[in-house]
Amino acid sequence: MSEKHFCSCTDHKCPMNPVNHDKGCDLCVQKCLKLNEIPSCFFKKISLDRPENEDYTFRGFAAFVEKYLKEK
C-alpha cells in the first residue's frame, strides 16, 4: 500500500487488518458482516475502551453506544 490507510484498529496480528494486505477495509468488513458484527473502528470512534466481553455484535454495539453516550 503506498498510502497510509486510515484504519484505527490496533490488532496488527489480525490477517484482516489493512497493514497485512493491499485490500483496505474490505476483508475486515466482509468478515464482520458474515459474523453479524461491527468492525472495531466503529467502537473506537466512540471510546478507546474495549467492549465488555469482547461483544462486537450489533446488540453489543448498541449497548456500547448507550453506555458511552450516557457518560457524555
C-alpha atoms as a PDB file:
ATOM      1  CA  MET A   1       0.000   0.000   0.000  1.00  0.00           C
ATOM      2  CA  SER A   2       1.544   3.296  -0.994  1.00  0.00           C
ATOM      3  CA  GLU A   3      -0.672   5.497   1.172  1.00  0.00           C
ATOM      4  CA  LYS A   4      -1.137   5.089   4.909  1.00  0.00           C
ATOM      5  CA  HIS A   5      -4.545   3.579   5.480  1.00  0.00           C
ATOM      6  CA  PHE A   6      -6.886   5.295   7.967  1.00  0.00           C
ATOM      7  CA  CYS A   7      -7.721   2.096   9.864  1.00  0.00           C
ATOM      8  CA  SER A   8      -7.800   2.719  13.619  1.00  0.00           C
ATOM      9  CA  CYS A   9      -7.597  -0.950  14.572  1.00  0.00           C
ATOM     10  CA  THR A  10      -4.504  -1.719  16.621  1.00  0.00           C
ATOM     11  CA  ASP A  11      -4.752  -5.503  16.231  1.00  0.00           C
ATOM     12  CA  HIS A  12      -1.969  -5.800  13.681  1.00  0.00           C
ATOM     13  CA  LYS A  13      -1.824  -9.582  14.197  1.00  0.00           C
ATOM     14  CA  CYS A  14      -5.274  -9.896  12.602  1.00  0.00           C
ATOM     15  CA  PRO A  15      -4.887 -11.069   8.995  1.00  0.00           C
ATOM     16  CA  MET A  16      -7.827  -8.818   8.033  1.00  0.00           C
ATOM     17  CA  ASN A  17      -6.069  -5.642   9.237  1.00  0.00           C
ATOM     18  CA  PRO A  18      -5.144  -3.420   6.260  1.00  0.00           C
ATOM     19  CA  VAL A  19      -1.485  -3.345   7.354  1.00  0.00           C
ATOM     20  CA  ASN A  20      -1.309  -7.028   6.351  1.00  0.00           C
ATOM     21  CA  HIS A  21      -2.584  -6.805   2.766  1.00  0.00           C
ATOM     22  CA  ASP A  22      -3.500  -4.354  -0.005  1.00  0.00           C
ATOM     23  CA  LYS A  23      -7.303  -4.688   0.056  1.00  0.00           C
ATOM     24  CA  GLY A  24      -8.083  -1.876   2.517  1.00  0.00           C
ATOM     25  CA  CYS A  25     -11.010  -2.490   4.867  1.00  0.00           C
ATOM     26  CA  ASP A  26     -12.822  -4.907   2.569  1.00  0.00           C
ATOM     27  CA  LEU A  27     -11.636  -8.126   4.235  1.00  0.00           C
ATOM     28  CA  CYS A  28     -12.468  -6.883   7.735  1.00  0.00           C
ATOM     29  CA  VAL A  29     -15.905  -5.626   6.742  1.00  0.00           C
ATOM     30  CA  GLN A  30     -16.695  -8.855   4.869  1.00  0.00           C
ATOM     31  CA  LYS A  31     -15.662 -10.932   7.916  1.00  0.00           C
ATOM     32  CA  CYS A  32     -17.729  -8.770  10.269  1.00  0.00           C
ATOM     33  CA  LEU A  33     -20.813  -8.897   8.038  1.00  0.00           C
ATOM     34  CA  LYS A  34     -20.546 -12.676   7.824  1.00  0.00           C
ATOM     35  CA  LEU A  35     -20.405 -12.879  11.648  1.00  0.00           C
ATOM     36  CA  ASN A  36     -23.117 -10.216  12.171  1.00  0.00           C
ATOM     37  CA  GLU A  37     -20.575  -7.980  13.898  1.00  0.00           C
ATOM     38  CA  ILE A  38     -19.482  -4.346  13.764  1.00  0.00           C
ATOM     39  CA  PRO A  39     -15.821  -3.541  12.941  1.00  0.00           C
ATOM     40  CA  SER A  40     -13.766  -2.323  15.909  1.00  0.00           C
ATOM     41  CA  CYS A  41     -13.171   1.075  14.268  1.00  0.00           C
ATOM     42  CA  PHE A  42     -16.834   1.966  14.928  1.00  0.00           C
ATOM     43  CA  PHE A  43     -16.341   1.213  18.630  1.00  0.00           C
ATOM     44  CA  LYS A  44     -13.097   3.237  18.686  1.00  0.00           C
ATOM     45  CA  LYS A  45     -14.892   6.256  17.248  1.00  0.00           C
ATOM     46  CA  ILE A  46     -16.977   6.325  20.436  1.00  0.00           C
ATOM     47  CA  SER A  47     -14.352   5.270  23.004  1.00  0.00           C
ATOM     48  CA  LEU A  48     -10.926   3.645  23.104  1.00  0.00           C
ATOM     49  CA  ASP A  49     -12.277   1.226  25.733  1.00  0.00           C
ATOM     50  CA  ARG A  50     -12.867  -2.295  24.500  1.00  0.00           C
ATOM     51  CA  PRO A  51     -16.430  -3.627  24.542  1.00  0.00           C
ATOM     52  CA  GLU A  52     -17.354  -5.719  27.554  1.00  0.00           C
ATOM     53  CA  ASN A  53     -16.940  -9.457  26.913  1.00  0.00           C
ATOM     54  CA  GLU A  54     -15.456  -8.587  23.502  1.00  0.00           C
ATOM     55  CA  ASP A  55     -19.044  -8.321  22.225  1.00  0.00           C
ATOM     56  CA  TYR A  56     -18.809  -6.892  18.692  1.00  0.00           C
ATOM     57  CA  THR A  57     -22.354  -7.913  17.720  1.00  0.00           C
ATOM     58  CA  PHE A  58     -24.971  -5.358  16.655  1.00  0.00           C
ATOM     59  CA  ARG A  59     -26.570  -5.681  20.097  1.00  0.00           C
ATOM     60  CA  GLY A  60     -23.165  -5.276  21.763  1.00  0.00           C
ATOM     61  CA  PHE A  61     -22.517  -2.137  19.708  1.00  0.00           C
ATOM     62  CA  ALA A  62     -25.903  -0.701  20.688  1.00  0.00           C
ATOM     63  CA  ALA A  63     -25.112  -1.303  24.375  1.00  0.00           C
ATOM     64  CA  PHE A  64     -21.653   0.255  23.922  1.00  0.00           C
ATOM     65  CA  VAL A  65     -23.147   3.375  22.315  1.00  0.00           C
ATOM     66  CA  GLU A  66     -25.788   3.608  25.042  1.00  0.00           C
ATOM     67  CA  LYS A  67     -23.161   3.336  27.787  1.00  0.00           C
ATOM     68  CA  TYR A  68     -20.786   5.956  26.385  1.00  0.00           C
ATOM     69  CA  LEU A  69     -23.432   8.445  25.258  1.00  0.00           C
ATOM     70  CA  LYS A  70     -24.809   8.493  28.817  1.00  0.00           C
ATOM     71  CA  GLU A  71     -21.349   9.413  30.134  1.00  0.00           C
ATOM     72  CA  LYS A  72     -21.059  12.480  27.912  1.00  0.00           C
END
